[in-house]
Amino acid sequence: MVRNRIKRRLREAVRLNLEKLAPGWDVVLTARQAAADAPFEHLLEAVEKLFAQCRS
């Protein structure tokens, strides 16, 4: 149940930031246990930061 919650939250964070990812990139996310307790805003920030690095 926790695993599915983390997956749903990460999937939504990626969906909201997908247009920021440069074309041609494949990204694999590996969630850690802390993601289960992290506020959704922190997950959004982490995904935004990751996608910004992919543009560089």
PDB file of N, CA and C in Angstrom:
ATOM      1  N   MET A   1       0.817  -1.180   0.000  1.00  0.00           N
ATOM      2  CA  MET A   1       0.000   0.000   0.000  1.00  0.00           C
ATOM      3  C   MET A   1       0.870   1.257   0.000  1.00  0.00           C
ATOM      4  N   VAL A   2       1.919   1.290   0.800  1.00  0.00           N
ATOM      5  CA  VAL A   2       2.821   2.439   0.831  1.00  0.00           C
ATOM      6  C   VAL A   2       3.525   2.573  -0.511  1.00  0.00           C
ATOM      7  N   ARG A   3       3.963   1.457  -1.071  1.00  0.00           N
ATOM      8  CA  ARG A   3       4.655   1.470  -2.355  1.00  0.00           C
ATOM      9  C   ARG A   3       3.771   2.088  -3.437  1.00  0.00           C
ATOM     10  N   ASN A   4       2.515   1.713  -3.480  1.00  0.00           N
ATOM     11  CA  ASN A   4       1.600   2.255  -4.482  1.00  0.00           C
ATOM     12  C   ASN A   4       1.373   3.751  -4.276  1.00  0.00           C
ATOM     13  N   ARG A   5       1.313   4.184  -3.043  1.00  0.00           N
ATOM     14  CA  ARG A   5       1.123   5.615  -2.751  1.00  0.00           C
ATOM     15  C   ARG A   5       2.321   6.408  -3.261  1.00  0.00           C
ATOM     16  N   ILE A   6       3.513   5.903  -3.009  1.00  0.00           N
ATOM     17  CA  ILE A   6       4.720   6.574  -3.487  1.00  0.00           C
ATOM     18  C   ILE A   6       4.716   6.629  -5.011  1.00  0.00           C
ATOM     19  N   LYS A   7       4.364   5.539  -5.649  1.00  0.00           N
ATOM     20  CA  LYS A   7       4.328   5.496  -7.110  1.00  0.00           C
ATOM     21  C   LYS A   7       3.334   6.502  -7.665  1.00  0.00           C
ATOM     22  N   ARG A   8       2.160   6.592  -7.064  1.00  0.00           N
ATOM     23  CA  ARG A   8       1.148   7.545  -7.529  1.00  0.00           C
ATOM     24  C   ARG A   8       1.629   8.981  -7.383  1.00  0.00           C
ATOM     25  N   ARG A   9       2.249   9.276  -6.253  1.00  0.00           N
ATOM     26  CA  ARG A   9       2.720  10.636  -6.001  1.00  0.00           C
ATOM     27  C   ARG A   9       3.856  11.007  -6.959  1.00  0.00           C
ATOM     28  N   LEU A  10       4.789  10.103  -7.182  1.00  0.00           N
ATOM     29  CA  LEU A  10       5.884  10.381  -8.114  1.00  0.00           C
ATOM     30  C   LEU A  10       5.373  10.496  -9.545  1.00  0.00           C
ATOM     31  N   ARG A  11       4.450   9.632  -9.909  1.00  0.00           N
ATOM     32  CA  ARG A  11       3.877   9.694 -11.257  1.00  0.00           C
ATOM     33  C   ARG A  11       3.212  11.051 -11.499  1.00  0.00           C
ATOM     34  N   GLU A  12       2.502  11.563 -10.506  1.00  0.00           N
ATOM     35  CA  GLU A  12       1.848  12.862 -10.637  1.00  0.00           C
ATOM     36  C   GLU A  12       2.885  13.987 -10.699  1.00  0.00           C
ATOM     37  N   ALA A  13       3.919  13.907  -9.903  1.00  0.00           N
ATOM     38  CA  ALA A  13       4.971  14.927  -9.932  1.00  0.00           C
ATOM     39  C   ALA A  13       5.643  14.957 -11.305  1.00  0.00           C
ATOM     40  N   VAL A  14       5.870  13.806 -11.886  1.00  0.00           N
ATOM     41  CA  VAL A  14       6.462  13.739 -13.228  1.00  0.00           C
ATOM     42  C   VAL A  14       5.478  14.291 -14.251  1.00  0.00           C
ATOM     43  N   ARG A  15       4.219  13.915 -14.156  1.00  0.00           N
ATOM     44  CA  ARG A  15       3.219  14.390 -15.111  1.00  0.00           C
ATOM     45  C   ARG A  15       3.153  15.908 -15.127  1.00  0.00           C
ATOM     46  N   LEU A  16       3.208  16.524 -13.955  1.00  0.00           N
ATOM     47  CA  LEU A  16       3.124  17.976 -13.856  1.00  0.00           C
ATOM     48  C   LEU A  16       4.362  18.679 -14.409  1.00  0.00           C
ATOM     49  N   ASN A  17       5.477  17.973 -14.520  1.00  0.00           N
ATOM     50  CA  ASN A  17       6.729  18.580 -14.968  1.00  0.00           C
ATOM     51  C   ASN A  17       7.238  18.013 -16.281  1.00  0.00           C
ATOM     52  N   LEU A  18       6.472  17.182 -16.924  1.00  0.00           N
ATOM     53  CA  LEU A  18       6.942  16.473 -18.110  1.00  0.00           C
ATOM     54  C   LEU A  18       7.359  17.413 -19.235  1.00  0.00           C
ATOM     55  N   GLU A  19       6.679  18.543 -19.387  1.00  0.00           N
ATOM     56  CA  GLU A  19       7.028  19.472 -20.463  1.00  0.00           C
ATOM     57  C   GLU A  19       8.395  20.113 -20.243  1.00  0.00           C
ATOM     58  N   LYS A  20       8.925  20.038 -19.031  1.00  0.00           N
ATOM     59  CA  LYS A  20      10.232  20.617 -18.721  1.00  0.00           C
ATOM     60  C   LYS A  20      11.383  19.675 -19.071  1.00  0.00           C
ATOM     61  N   LEU A  21      11.063  18.438 -19.375  1.00  0.00           N
ATOM     62  CA  LEU A  21      12.093  17.449 -19.713  1.00  0.00           C
ATOM     63  C   LEU A  21      12.451  17.580 -21.181  1.00  0.00           C
ATOM     64  N   ALA A  22      13.736  17.638 -21.454  1.00  0.00           N
ATOM     65  CA  ALA A  22      14.202  17.770 -22.835  1.00  0.00           C
ATOM     66  C   ALA A  22      13.834  16.522 -23.626  1.00  0.00           C
ATOM     67  N   PRO A  23      13.503  16.693 -24.909  1.00  0.00           N
ATOM     68  CA  PRO A  23      13.173  15.538 -25.750  1.00  0.00           C
ATOM     69  C   PRO A  23      14.341  14.564 -25.830  1.00  0.00           C
ATOM     70  N   GLY A  24      14.023  13.299 -25.897  1.00  0.00           N
ATOM     71  CA  GLY A  24      15.044  12.269 -26.045  1.00  0.00           C
ATOM     72  C   GLY A  24      15.563  11.686 -24.744  1.00  0.00           C
ATOM     73  N   TRP A  25      15.101  12.187 -23.620  1.00  0.00           N
ATOM     74  CA  TRP A  25      15.560  11.688 -22.331  1.00  0.00           C
ATOM     75  C   TRP A  25      14.637  10.587 -21.822  1.00  0.00           C
ATOM     76  N   ASP A  26      15.241   9.563 -21.279  1.00  0.00           N
ATOM     77  CA  ASP A  26      14.522   8.537 -20.526  1.00  0.00           C
ATOM     78  C   ASP A  26      14.966   8.686 -19.076  1.00  0.00           C
ATOM     79  N   VAL A  27      14.019   8.735 -18.168  1.00  0.00           N
ATOM     80  CA  VAL A  27      14.341   8.938 -16.759  1.00  0.00           C
ATOM     81  C   VAL A  27      13.753   7.791 -15.951  1.00  0.00           C
ATOM     82  N   VAL A  28      14.567   7.221 -15.087  1.00  0.00           N
ATOM     83  CA  VAL A  28      14.119   6.170 -14.183  1.00  0.00           C
ATOM     84  C   VAL A  28      14.216   6.730 -12.770  1.00  0.00           C
ATOM     85  N   LEU A  29      13.118   6.730 -12.065  1.00  0.00           N
ATOM     86  CA  LEU A  29      13.094   7.216 -10.693  1.00  0.00           C
ATOM     87  C   LEU A  29      13.072   6.034  -9.738  1.00  0.00           C
ATOM     88  N   THR A  30      13.892   6.125  -8.731  1.00  0.00           N
ATOM     89  CA  THR A  30      13.905   5.118  -7.679  1.00  0.00           C
ATOM     90  C   THR A  30      13.541   5.821  -6.380  1.00  0.00           C
ATOM     91  N   ALA A  31      12.410   5.470  -5.833  1.00  0.00           N
ATOM     92  CA  ALA A  31      11.937   6.129  -4.617  1.00  0.00           C
ATOM     93  C   ALA A  31      12.569   5.493  -3.387  1.00  0.00           C
ATOM     94  N   ARG A  32      12.891   6.331  -2.466  1.00  0.00           N
ATOM     95  CA  ARG A  32      13.407   5.868  -1.176  1.00  0.00           C
ATOM     96  C   ARG A  32      12.267   5.927  -0.164  1.00  0.00           C
ATOM     97  N   GLN A  33      12.464   5.286   0.954  1.00  0.00           N
ATOM     98  CA  GLN A  33      11.424   5.208   1.978  1.00  0.00           C
ATOM     99  C   GLN A  33      10.979   6.598   2.435  1.00  0.00           C
ATOM    100  N   ALA A  34      11.906   7.552   2.440  1.00  0.00           N
ATOM    101  CA  ALA A  34      11.566   8.908   2.885  1.00  0.00           C
ATOM    102  C   ALA A  34      10.509   9.551   1.990  1.00  0.00           C
ATOM    103  N   ALA A  35      10.380   9.092   0.748  1.00  0.00           N
ATOM    104  CA  ALA A  35       9.373   9.645  -0.161  1.00  0.00           C
ATOM    105  C   ALA A  35       7.963   9.392   0.349  1.00  0.00           C
ATOM    106  N   ALA A  36       7.776   8.376   1.138  1.00  0.00           N
ATOM    107  CA  ALA A  36       6.448   8.054   1.662  1.00  0.00           C
ATOM    108  C   ALA A  36       5.957   9.146   2.620  1.00  0.00           C
ATOM    109  N   ASP A  37       6.877   9.753   3.334  1.00  0.00           N
ATOM    110  CA  ASP A  37       6.517  10.752   4.338  1.00  0.00           C
ATOM    111  C   ASP A  37       6.753  12.184   3.876  1.00  0.00           C
ATOM    112  N   ALA A  38       7.397  12.344   2.729  1.00  0.00           N
ATOM    113  CA  ALA A  38       7.734  13.688   2.244  1.00  0.00           C
ATOM    114  C   ALA A  38       6.478  14.404   1.761  1.00  0.00           C
ATOM    115  N   PRO A  39       6.394  15.689   2.014  1.00  0.00           N
ATOM    116  CA  PRO A  39       5.270  16.465   1.466  1.00  0.00           C
ATOM    117  C   PRO A  39       5.325  16.444  -0.062  1.00  0.00           C
ATOM    118  N   PHE A  40       4.172  16.487  -0.688  1.00  0.00           N
ATOM    119  CA  PHE A  40       4.115  16.422  -2.141  1.00  0.00           C
ATOM    120  C   PHE A  40       4.916  17.555  -2.778  1.00  0.00           C
ATOM    121  N   GLU A  41       4.939  18.717  -2.151  1.00  0.00           N
ATOM    122  CA  GLU A  41       5.689  19.857  -2.677  1.00  0.00           C
ATOM    123  C   GLU A  41       7.173  19.533  -2.776  1.00  0.00           C
ATOM    124  N   HIS A  42       7.705  18.765  -1.833  1.00  0.00           N
ATOM    125  CA  HIS A  42       9.116  18.376  -1.880  1.00  0.00           C
ATOM    126  C   HIS A  42       9.378  17.426  -3.041  1.00  0.00           C
ATOM    127  N   LEU A  43       8.444  16.541  -3.304  1.00  0.00           N
ATOM    128  CA  LEU A  43       8.599  15.641  -4.453  1.00  0.00           C
ATOM    129  C   LEU A  43       8.577  16.438  -5.755  1.00  0.00           C
ATOM    130  N   LEU A  44       7.675  17.408  -5.843  1.00  0.00           N
ATOM    131  CA  LEU A  44       7.617  18.264  -7.028  1.00  0.00           C
ATOM    132  C   LEU A  44       8.943  18.994  -7.241  1.00  0.00           C
ATOM    133  N   GLU A  45       9.480  19.561  -6.173  1.00  0.00           N
ATOM    134  CA  GLU A  45      10.752  20.277  -6.270  1.00  0.00           C
ATOM    135  C   GLU A  45      11.872  19.353  -6.716  1.00  0.00           C
ATOM    136  N   ALA A  46      11.902  18.147  -6.188  1.00  0.00           N
ATOM    137  CA  ALA A  46      12.953  17.192  -6.554  1.00  0.00           C
ATOM    138  C   ALA A  46      12.867  16.812  -8.030  1.00  0.00           C
ATOM    139  N   VAL A  47      11.666  16.603  -8.526  1.00  0.00           N
ATOM    140  CA  VAL A  47      11.484  16.253  -9.941  1.00  0.00           C
ATOM    141  C   VAL A  47      11.860  17.438 -10.822  1.00  0.00           C
ATOM    142  N   GLU A  48      11.457  18.646 -10.421  1.00  0.00           N
ATOM    143  CA  GLU A  48      11.819  19.844 -11.182  1.00  0.00           C
ATOM    144  C   GLU A  48      13.339  19.989 -11.269  1.00  0.00           C
ATOM    145  N   LYS A  49      14.016  19.777 -10.157  1.00  0.00           N
ATOM    146  CA  LYS A  49      15.472  19.893 -10.109  1.00  0.00           C
ATOM    147  C   LYS A  49      16.126  18.834 -11.016  1.00  0.00           C
ATOM    148  N   LEU A  50      15.619  17.632 -10.975  1.00  0.00           N
ATOM    149  CA  LEU A  50      16.144  16.551 -11.807  1.00  0.00           C
ATOM    150  C   LEU A  50      15.969  16.877 -13.290  1.00  0.00           C
ATOM    151  N   PHE A  51      14.789  17.329 -13.661  1.00  0.00           N
ATOM    152  CA  PHE A  51      14.530  17.642 -15.063  1.00  0.00           C
ATOM    153  C   PHE A  51      15.355  18.839 -15.528  1.00  0.00           C
ATOM    154  N   ALA A  52      15.624  19.792 -14.635  1.00  0.00           N
ATOM    155  CA  ALA A  52      16.471  20.926 -14.980  1.00  0.00           C
ATOM    156  C   ALA A  52      17.895  20.446 -15.283  1.00  0.00           C
ATOM    157  N   GLN A  53      18.371  19.461 -14.555  1.00  0.00           N
ATOM    158  CA  GLN A  53      19.695  18.904 -14.809  1.00  0.00           C
ATOM    159  C   GLN A  53      19.745  18.192 -16.145  1.00  0.00           C
ATOM    160  N   CYS A  54      18.645  17.616 -16.562  1.00  0.00           N
ATOM    161  CA  CYS A  54      18.597  16.919 -17.845  1.00  0.00           C
ATOM    162  C   CYS A  54      18.670  17.887 -19.010  1.00  0.00           C
ATOM    163  N   ARG A  55      18.267  19.133 -18.804  1.00  0.00           N
ATOM    164  CA  ARG A  55      18.306  20.137 -19.874  1.00  0.00           C
ATOM    165  C   ARG A  55      19.720  20.653 -20.088  1.00  0.00           C
ATOM    166  N   SER A  56      20.559  20.551 -19.092  1.00  0.00           N
ATOM    167  CA  SER A  56      21.924  21.094 -19.188  1.00  0.00           C
ATOM    168  C   SER A  56      22.801  20.267 -20.096  1.00  0.00           C
TER     169      SER A  56
END
